[in-house]
Amino acid sequence: MRRVEHGFTLVEVLVAMAIIGVAVIPLLILLPGSLGPTQVSDADLRLGAAGVRKLEEVTNRLRADINSVGAGAETCSDLPTCWLEWTIATELSSGTTGVGVLKTIALTACQDGDANSVCDAAENQIRFDAKVTSRP
């Protein structure tokens, strides 16, 4: 009587490992490239959050008093290289009763890498725009 053994030989296992290794190496080469954009996105997310907070603050102050806020700039409290710049422009103003004032807010959040307190074109930036009207 002949005995049949089930399983793989050592040669079969080594060939399978070589095939898997050849298939996995190109995927590992792609891995470092996929991590880079995630880090940039994290910085953009943090800049965006700081910009949104400041935009909400300026918008709320203008809603309370349409002439309460002017142009300005400041650092972000929670990000060391973050810089915020904003301008307020009167887009429409009317002396007519029942017609209010329309203000435009332009806010830029950037990573001020050279620490010159200016959002330079070469630096990572996110821009926000909003409009607020007074209620006569």
N, C-alpha and C. Protein backbone atom coordinates (compact mmCIF):
# COMPACT_ATOMS: atom_id res chain seq x y z
N MET A 1 0.83 -1.16 0.00
CA MET A 1 0.00 0.00 0.00
C MET A 1 0.89 1.24 0.00
N ARG A 2 0.50 2.17 -0.86
CA ARG A 2 1.28 3.41 -1.00
C ARG A 2 0.62 4.53 -0.21
N ARG A 3 1.42 5.29 0.46
CA ARG A 3 0.92 6.37 1.29
C ARG A 3 1.03 7.69 0.52
N VAL A 4 -0.07 8.46 0.43
CA VAL A 4 -0.07 9.74 -0.25
C VAL A 4 0.02 10.84 0.80
N GLU A 5 1.01 11.71 0.63
CA GLU A 5 1.17 12.82 1.57
C GLU A 5 0.65 14.10 0.94
N HIS A 6 -0.05 14.89 1.72
CA HIS A 6 -0.59 16.16 1.25
C HIS A 6 0.29 17.30 1.76
N GLY A 7 0.41 18.36 0.98
CA GLY A 7 1.19 19.50 1.41
C GLY A 7 2.05 20.02 0.27
N PHE A 8 2.92 20.94 0.59
CA PHE A 8 3.78 21.56 -0.41
C PHE A 8 5.23 21.19 -0.13
N THR A 9 5.98 21.11 -1.20
CA THR A 9 7.41 20.85 -1.03
C THR A 9 8.10 22.18 -0.75
N LEU A 10 9.32 22.09 -0.29
CA LEU A 10 10.10 23.28 0.01
C LEU A 10 10.32 24.12 -1.25
N VAL A 11 10.52 23.48 -2.36
CA VAL A 11 10.73 24.20 -3.62
C VAL A 11 9.47 24.98 -4.00
N GLU A 12 8.32 24.38 -3.84
CA GLU A 12 7.08 25.08 -4.16
C GLU A 12 6.86 26.30 -3.26
N VAL A 13 7.18 26.17 -1.99
CA VAL A 13 7.04 27.30 -1.06
C VAL A 13 8.00 28.42 -1.43
N LEU A 14 9.25 28.09 -1.76
CA LEU A 14 10.23 29.11 -2.14
C LEU A 14 9.83 29.83 -3.42
N VAL A 15 9.31 29.11 -4.40
CA VAL A 15 8.86 29.73 -5.65
C VAL A 15 7.68 30.66 -5.38
N ALA A 16 6.76 30.26 -4.54
CA ALA A 16 5.61 31.11 -4.21
C ALA A 16 6.06 32.38 -3.50
N MET A 17 7.03 32.26 -2.59
CA MET A 17 7.53 33.43 -1.88
C MET A 17 8.25 34.39 -2.83
N ALA A 18 8.97 33.85 -3.80
CA ALA A 18 9.66 34.70 -4.77
C ALA A 18 8.65 35.46 -5.63
N ILE A 19 7.60 34.81 -6.04
CA ILE A 19 6.56 35.47 -6.86
C ILE A 19 5.87 36.57 -6.05
N ILE A 20 5.54 36.30 -4.81
CA ILE A 20 4.90 37.32 -3.96
C ILE A 20 5.85 38.49 -3.72
N GLY A 21 7.13 38.18 -3.49
CA GLY A 21 8.12 39.24 -3.29
C GLY A 21 8.25 40.15 -4.50
N VAL A 22 8.27 39.58 -5.68
CA VAL A 22 8.36 40.37 -6.91
C VAL A 22 7.11 41.24 -7.08
N ALA A 23 5.97 40.76 -6.68
CA ALA A 23 4.73 41.52 -6.82
C ALA A 23 4.62 42.63 -5.77
N VAL A 24 5.16 42.44 -4.58
CA VAL A 24 5.02 43.40 -3.48
C VAL A 24 6.02 44.55 -3.58
N ILE A 25 7.19 44.33 -4.13
CA ILE A 25 8.22 45.37 -4.18
C ILE A 25 7.73 46.64 -4.88
N PRO A 26 7.09 46.58 -6.03
CA PRO A 26 6.59 47.83 -6.63
C PRO A 26 5.57 48.55 -5.75
N LEU A 27 4.78 47.82 -5.01
CA LEU A 27 3.81 48.45 -4.11
C LEU A 27 4.50 49.17 -2.96
N LEU A 28 5.58 48.62 -2.45
CA LEU A 28 6.33 49.27 -1.38
C LEU A 28 7.01 50.54 -1.85
N ILE A 29 7.40 50.57 -3.11
CA ILE A 29 8.01 51.78 -3.66
C ILE A 29 7.00 52.92 -3.70
N LEU A 30 5.73 52.60 -3.93
CA LEU A 30 4.68 53.63 -3.98
C LEU A 30 4.31 54.16 -2.60
N LEU A 31 4.56 53.42 -1.56
CA LEU A 31 4.13 53.79 -0.21
C LEU A 31 4.67 55.13 0.26
N PRO A 32 5.97 55.45 0.17
CA PRO A 32 6.42 56.76 0.64
C PRO A 32 5.77 57.92 -0.11
N GLY A 33 5.51 57.77 -1.39
CA GLY A 33 4.85 58.82 -2.17
C GLY A 33 3.42 59.06 -1.73
N SER A 34 2.78 58.05 -1.23
CA SER A 34 1.39 58.22 -0.79
C SER A 34 1.31 58.92 0.57
N LEU A 35 2.38 58.92 1.33
CA LEU A 35 2.36 59.59 2.64
C LEU A 35 2.58 61.09 2.51
N GLY A 36 3.28 61.56 1.52
CA GLY A 36 3.58 62.97 1.35
C GLY A 36 2.34 63.84 1.23
N PRO A 37 1.42 63.53 0.32
CA PRO A 37 0.21 64.35 0.20
C PRO A 37 -0.62 64.39 1.47
N THR A 38 -0.59 63.35 2.27
CA THR A 38 -1.33 63.33 3.52
C THR A 38 -0.78 64.38 4.47
N GLN A 39 0.54 64.54 4.51
CA GLN A 39 1.15 65.52 5.39
C GLN A 39 0.80 66.94 4.92
N VAL A 40 0.79 67.17 3.63
CA VAL A 40 0.42 68.48 3.10
C VAL A 40 -1.05 68.75 3.41
N SER A 41 -1.87 67.76 3.25
CA SER A 41 -3.29 67.92 3.52
C SER A 41 -3.54 68.24 4.99
N ASP A 42 -2.73 67.67 5.89
CA ASP A 42 -2.87 67.97 7.30
C ASP A 42 -2.56 69.45 7.56
N ALA A 43 -1.51 69.96 6.93
CA ALA A 43 -1.17 71.38 7.09
C ALA A 43 -2.28 72.26 6.52
N ASP A 44 -2.82 71.88 5.36
CA ASP A 44 -3.92 72.64 4.78
C ASP A 44 -5.15 72.60 5.68
N LEU A 45 -5.41 71.46 6.27
CA LEU A 45 -6.56 71.33 7.16
C LEU A 45 -6.41 72.24 8.38
N ARG A 46 -5.22 72.28 8.94
CA ARG A 46 -4.98 73.13 10.12
C ARG A 46 -5.05 74.61 9.75
N LEU A 47 -4.49 74.97 8.59
CA LEU A 47 -4.60 76.36 8.13
C LEU A 47 -6.06 76.72 7.88
N GLY A 48 -6.77 75.82 7.25
CA GLY A 48 -8.18 76.06 6.96
C GLY A 48 -9.00 76.26 8.21
N ALA A 49 -8.74 75.45 9.22
CA ALA A 49 -9.48 75.58 10.49
C ALA A 49 -9.20 76.93 11.13
N ALA A 50 -7.93 77.36 11.13
CA ALA A 50 -7.58 78.66 11.71
C ALA A 50 -8.25 79.79 10.92
N GLY A 51 -8.27 79.66 9.59
CA GLY A 51 -8.90 80.68 8.75
C GLY A 51 -10.40 80.76 8.98
N VAL A 52 -11.04 79.62 9.09
CA VAL A 52 -12.50 79.59 9.31
C VAL A 52 -12.85 80.21 10.66
N ARG A 53 -12.05 79.90 11.69
CA ARG A 53 -12.31 80.49 13.01
C ARG A 53 -12.23 82.02 12.95
N LYS A 54 -11.20 82.54 12.29
CA LYS A 54 -11.04 83.99 12.21
C LYS A 54 -12.14 84.60 11.36
N LEU A 55 -12.49 83.96 10.26
CA LEU A 55 -13.57 84.46 9.40
C LEU A 55 -14.89 84.53 10.17
N GLU A 56 -15.17 83.50 10.97
CA GLU A 56 -16.40 83.52 11.78
C GLU A 56 -16.35 84.67 12.80
N GLU A 57 -15.19 84.88 13.41
CA GLU A 57 -15.07 85.96 14.38
C GLU A 57 -15.32 87.32 13.72
N VAL A 58 -14.68 87.57 12.59
CA VAL A 58 -14.84 88.85 11.88
C VAL A 58 -16.29 89.01 11.42
N THR A 59 -16.86 87.96 10.87
CA THR A 59 -18.24 88.01 10.38
C THR A 59 -19.21 88.32 11.52
N ASN A 60 -19.04 87.66 12.64
CA ASN A 60 -19.93 87.91 13.78
C ASN A 60 -19.80 89.33 14.30
N ARG A 61 -18.57 89.85 14.33
CA ARG A 61 -18.39 91.23 14.78
C ARG A 61 -19.04 92.21 13.81
N LEU A 62 -18.94 91.95 12.51
CA LEU A 62 -19.58 92.83 11.52
C LEU A 62 -21.10 92.74 11.60
N ARG A 63 -21.63 91.57 11.89
CA ARG A 63 -23.08 91.44 12.02
C ARG A 63 -23.59 92.22 13.22
N ALA A 64 -22.79 92.28 14.27
CA ALA A 64 -23.18 93.05 15.45
C ALA A 64 -23.08 94.55 15.19
N ASP A 65 -22.04 94.96 14.47
CA ASP A 65 -21.84 96.37 14.12
C ASP A 65 -21.07 96.39 12.81
N ILE A 66 -21.72 96.81 11.75
CA ILE A 66 -21.16 96.71 10.40
C ILE A 66 -19.86 97.49 10.24
N ASN A 67 -19.60 98.46 11.09
CA ASN A 67 -18.38 99.26 10.98
C ASN A 67 -17.35 98.93 12.07
N SER A 68 -17.51 97.78 12.73
CA SER A 68 -16.66 97.47 13.88
C SER A 68 -15.30 96.88 13.54
N VAL A 69 -15.10 96.41 12.33
CA VAL A 69 -13.86 95.71 12.00
C VAL A 69 -13.25 96.32 10.74
N GLY A 70 -11.94 96.47 10.77
CA GLY A 70 -11.19 96.90 9.59
C GLY A 70 -10.19 95.84 9.20
N ALA A 71 -9.33 96.19 8.29
CA ALA A 71 -8.29 95.26 7.85
C ALA A 71 -7.37 94.94 9.02
N GLY A 72 -6.73 93.77 8.96
CA GLY A 72 -5.81 93.40 10.03
C GLY A 72 -5.02 92.17 9.69
N ALA A 73 -4.16 91.79 10.60
CA ALA A 73 -3.33 90.59 10.46
C ALA A 73 -2.90 90.14 11.85
N GLU A 74 -2.69 88.83 11.98
CA GLU A 74 -2.25 88.28 13.27
C GLU A 74 -1.72 86.87 13.07
N THR A 75 -1.02 86.38 14.07
CA THR A 75 -0.58 84.99 14.06
C THR A 75 -1.71 84.12 14.58
N CYS A 76 -1.65 82.86 14.25
CA CYS A 76 -2.62 81.90 14.78
C CYS A 76 -2.13 81.45 16.15
N SER A 77 -3.04 81.32 17.08
CA SER A 77 -2.63 80.96 18.44
C SER A 77 -2.18 79.51 18.53
N ASP A 78 -2.72 78.62 17.69
CA ASP A 78 -2.42 77.20 17.84
C ASP A 78 -1.44 76.65 16.80
N LEU A 79 -0.98 77.47 15.86
CA LEU A 79 -0.03 77.02 14.84
C LEU A 79 1.16 77.97 14.82
N PRO A 80 2.36 77.45 14.99
CA PRO A 80 3.51 78.34 15.12
C PRO A 80 3.83 79.16 13.88
N THR A 81 3.68 78.62 12.68
CA THR A 81 4.05 79.38 11.47
C THR A 81 2.84 79.94 10.74
N CYS A 82 1.68 79.91 11.35
CA CYS A 82 0.45 80.36 10.69
C CYS A 82 0.32 81.88 10.79
N TRP A 83 -0.08 82.49 9.68
CA TRP A 83 -0.30 83.94 9.63
C TRP A 83 -1.64 84.19 8.96
N LEU A 84 -2.44 85.09 9.52
CA LEU A 84 -3.75 85.45 8.98
C LEU A 84 -3.75 86.91 8.57
N GLU A 85 -4.24 87.19 7.38
CA GLU A 85 -4.40 88.57 6.90
C GLU A 85 -5.83 88.72 6.38
N TRP A 86 -6.46 89.85 6.69
CA TRP A 86 -7.81 90.07 6.17
C TRP A 86 -8.00 91.53 5.81
N THR A 87 -8.87 91.73 4.84
CA THR A 87 -9.27 93.07 4.44
C THR A 87 -10.79 93.12 4.43
N ILE A 88 -11.32 94.30 4.71
CA ILE A 88 -12.76 94.53 4.69
C ILE A 88 -13.00 95.68 3.72
N ALA A 89 -13.85 95.46 2.75
CA ALA A 89 -14.16 96.50 1.77
C ALA A 89 -15.67 96.72 1.74
N THR A 90 -16.06 97.99 1.60
CA THR A 90 -17.48 98.32 1.43
C THR A 90 -17.81 98.16 -0.04
N GLU A 91 -18.65 97.19 -0.32
CA GLU A 91 -18.99 96.91 -1.70
C GLU A 91 -20.17 97.75 -2.16
N LEU A 92 -21.10 97.95 -1.26
CA LEU A 92 -22.31 98.69 -1.62
C LEU A 92 -22.82 99.42 -0.39
N SER A 93 -23.10 100.69 -0.55
CA SER A 93 -23.63 101.48 0.55
C SER A 93 -24.71 102.39 -0.02
N SER A 94 -25.78 102.53 0.70
CA SER A 94 -26.88 103.33 0.18
C SER A 94 -27.44 104.22 1.28
N GLY A 95 -27.76 105.42 0.92
CA GLY A 95 -28.42 106.34 1.85
C GLY A 95 -29.92 106.12 1.89
N THR A 96 -30.42 105.25 1.05
CA THR A 96 -31.85 104.98 0.97
C THR A 96 -32.30 104.20 2.20
N THR A 97 -33.42 104.62 2.77
CA THR A 97 -33.96 103.94 3.93
C THR A 97 -34.34 102.51 3.55
N GLY A 98 -33.96 101.57 4.40
CA GLY A 98 -34.29 100.17 4.17
C GLY A 98 -33.21 99.42 3.41
N VAL A 99 -32.20 100.12 2.93
CA VAL A 99 -31.11 99.46 2.20
C VAL A 99 -29.86 99.56 3.07
N GLY A 100 -29.22 98.42 3.30
CA GLY A 100 -28.08 98.40 4.21
C GLY A 100 -26.75 98.57 3.50
N VAL A 101 -25.71 98.23 4.21
CA VAL A 101 -24.34 98.31 3.72
C VAL A 101 -23.85 96.89 3.49
N LEU A 102 -23.17 96.66 2.38
CA LEU A 102 -22.62 95.35 2.06
C LEU A 102 -21.10 95.41 2.16
N LYS A 103 -20.53 94.57 3.02
CA LYS A 103 -19.08 94.52 3.21
C LYS A 103 -18.56 93.18 2.69
N THR A 104 -17.38 93.23 2.07
CA THR A 104 -16.72 92.03 1.57
C THR A 104 -15.50 91.75 2.44
N ILE A 105 -15.38 90.52 2.89
CA ILE A 105 -14.23 90.10 3.70
C ILE A 105 -13.36 89.20 2.83
N ALA A 106 -12.07 89.49 2.76
CA ALA A 106 -11.10 88.63 2.09
C ALA A 106 -10.06 88.25 3.13
N LEU A 107 -9.97 86.96 3.45
CA LEU A 107 -9.06 86.49 4.48
C LEU A 107 -8.12 85.46 3.88
N THR A 108 -6.84 85.58 4.16
CA THR A 108 -5.84 84.62 3.70
C THR A 108 -5.14 84.03 4.91
N ALA A 109 -5.08 82.70 4.95
CA ALA A 109 -4.33 81.97 5.98
C ALA A 109 -3.14 81.35 5.27
N CYS A 110 -1.95 81.54 5.82
CA CYS A 110 -0.76 80.99 5.17
C CYS A 110 0.22 80.45 6.20
N GLN A 111 1.14 79.62 5.71
CA GLN A 111 2.26 79.16 6.51
C GLN A 111 3.40 80.13 6.25
N ASP A 112 3.65 81.00 7.19
CA ASP A 112 4.66 82.04 7.04
C ASP A 112 6.04 81.44 7.32
N GLY A 113 6.57 80.72 6.34
CA GLY A 113 7.82 80.00 6.51
C GLY A 113 9.02 80.88 6.75
N ASP A 114 9.04 82.09 6.18
CA ASP A 114 10.18 82.99 6.37
C ASP A 114 9.97 83.96 7.52
N ALA A 115 8.85 83.85 8.22
CA ALA A 115 8.54 84.64 9.42
C ALA A 115 8.63 86.14 9.18
N ASN A 116 8.18 86.60 7.99
CA ASN A 116 8.20 88.03 7.70
C ASN A 116 6.84 88.68 7.92
N SER A 117 5.91 87.95 8.50
CA SER A 117 4.55 88.45 8.80
C SER A 117 3.82 88.93 7.55
N VAL A 118 4.00 88.21 6.46
CA VAL A 118 3.31 88.48 5.20
C VAL A 118 3.05 87.14 4.53
N CYS A 119 1.88 86.99 3.93
CA CYS A 119 1.58 85.79 3.16
C CYS A 119 2.16 85.97 1.75
N ASP A 120 3.36 85.45 1.53
CA ASP A 120 4.01 85.55 0.24
C ASP A 120 3.42 84.53 -0.74
N ALA A 121 3.55 84.82 -2.03
CA ALA A 121 2.98 83.95 -3.06
C ALA A 121 3.57 82.55 -3.03
N ALA A 122 4.81 82.39 -2.62
CA ALA A 122 5.47 81.08 -2.62
C ALA A 122 5.06 80.23 -1.42
N GLU A 123 4.38 80.81 -0.46
CA GLU A 123 4.01 80.08 0.75
C GLU A 123 2.64 79.42 0.59
N ASN A 124 2.45 78.32 1.31
CA ASN A 124 1.18 77.59 1.29
C ASN A 124 0.08 78.50 1.82
N GLN A 125 -0.97 78.73 1.01
CA GLN A 125 -2.04 79.67 1.38
C GLN A 125 -3.42 79.07 1.15
N ILE A 126 -4.36 79.54 1.94
CA ILE A 126 -5.77 79.25 1.72
C ILE A 126 -6.50 80.58 1.85
N ARG A 127 -7.37 80.86 0.88
CA ARG A 127 -8.09 82.14 0.87
C ARG A 127 -9.58 81.89 1.13
N PHE A 128 -10.16 82.80 1.90
CA PHE A 128 -11.58 82.76 2.22
C PHE A 128 -12.20 84.10 1.85
N ASP A 129 -13.40 84.07 1.31
CA ASP A 129 -14.14 85.28 0.99
C ASP A 129 -15.55 85.16 1.56
N ALA A 130 -16.05 86.25 2.08
CA ALA A 130 -17.41 86.27 2.61
C ALA A 130 -17.99 87.68 2.43
N LYS A 131 -19.30 87.75 2.49
CA LYS A 131 -19.99 89.03 2.41
C LYS A 131 -20.94 89.14 3.58
N VAL A 132 -21.01 90.35 4.15
CA VAL A 132 -21.90 90.61 5.28
C VAL A 132 -22.65 91.89 4.98
N THR A 133 -23.93 91.89 5.27
CA THR A 133 -24.73 93.08 5.06
C THR A 133 -25.31 93.53 6.40
N SER A 134 -25.45 94.83 6.52
CA SER A 134 -26.07 95.37 7.73
C SER A 134 -27.59 95.22 7.59
N ARG A 135 -28.23 95.23 8.71
CA ARG A 135 -29.69 95.15 8.71
C ARG A 135 -30.23 96.49 9.19
N PRO A 136 -30.66 97.32 8.24
CA PRO A 136 -31.12 98.67 8.64
C PRO A 136 -32.38 98.63 9.48
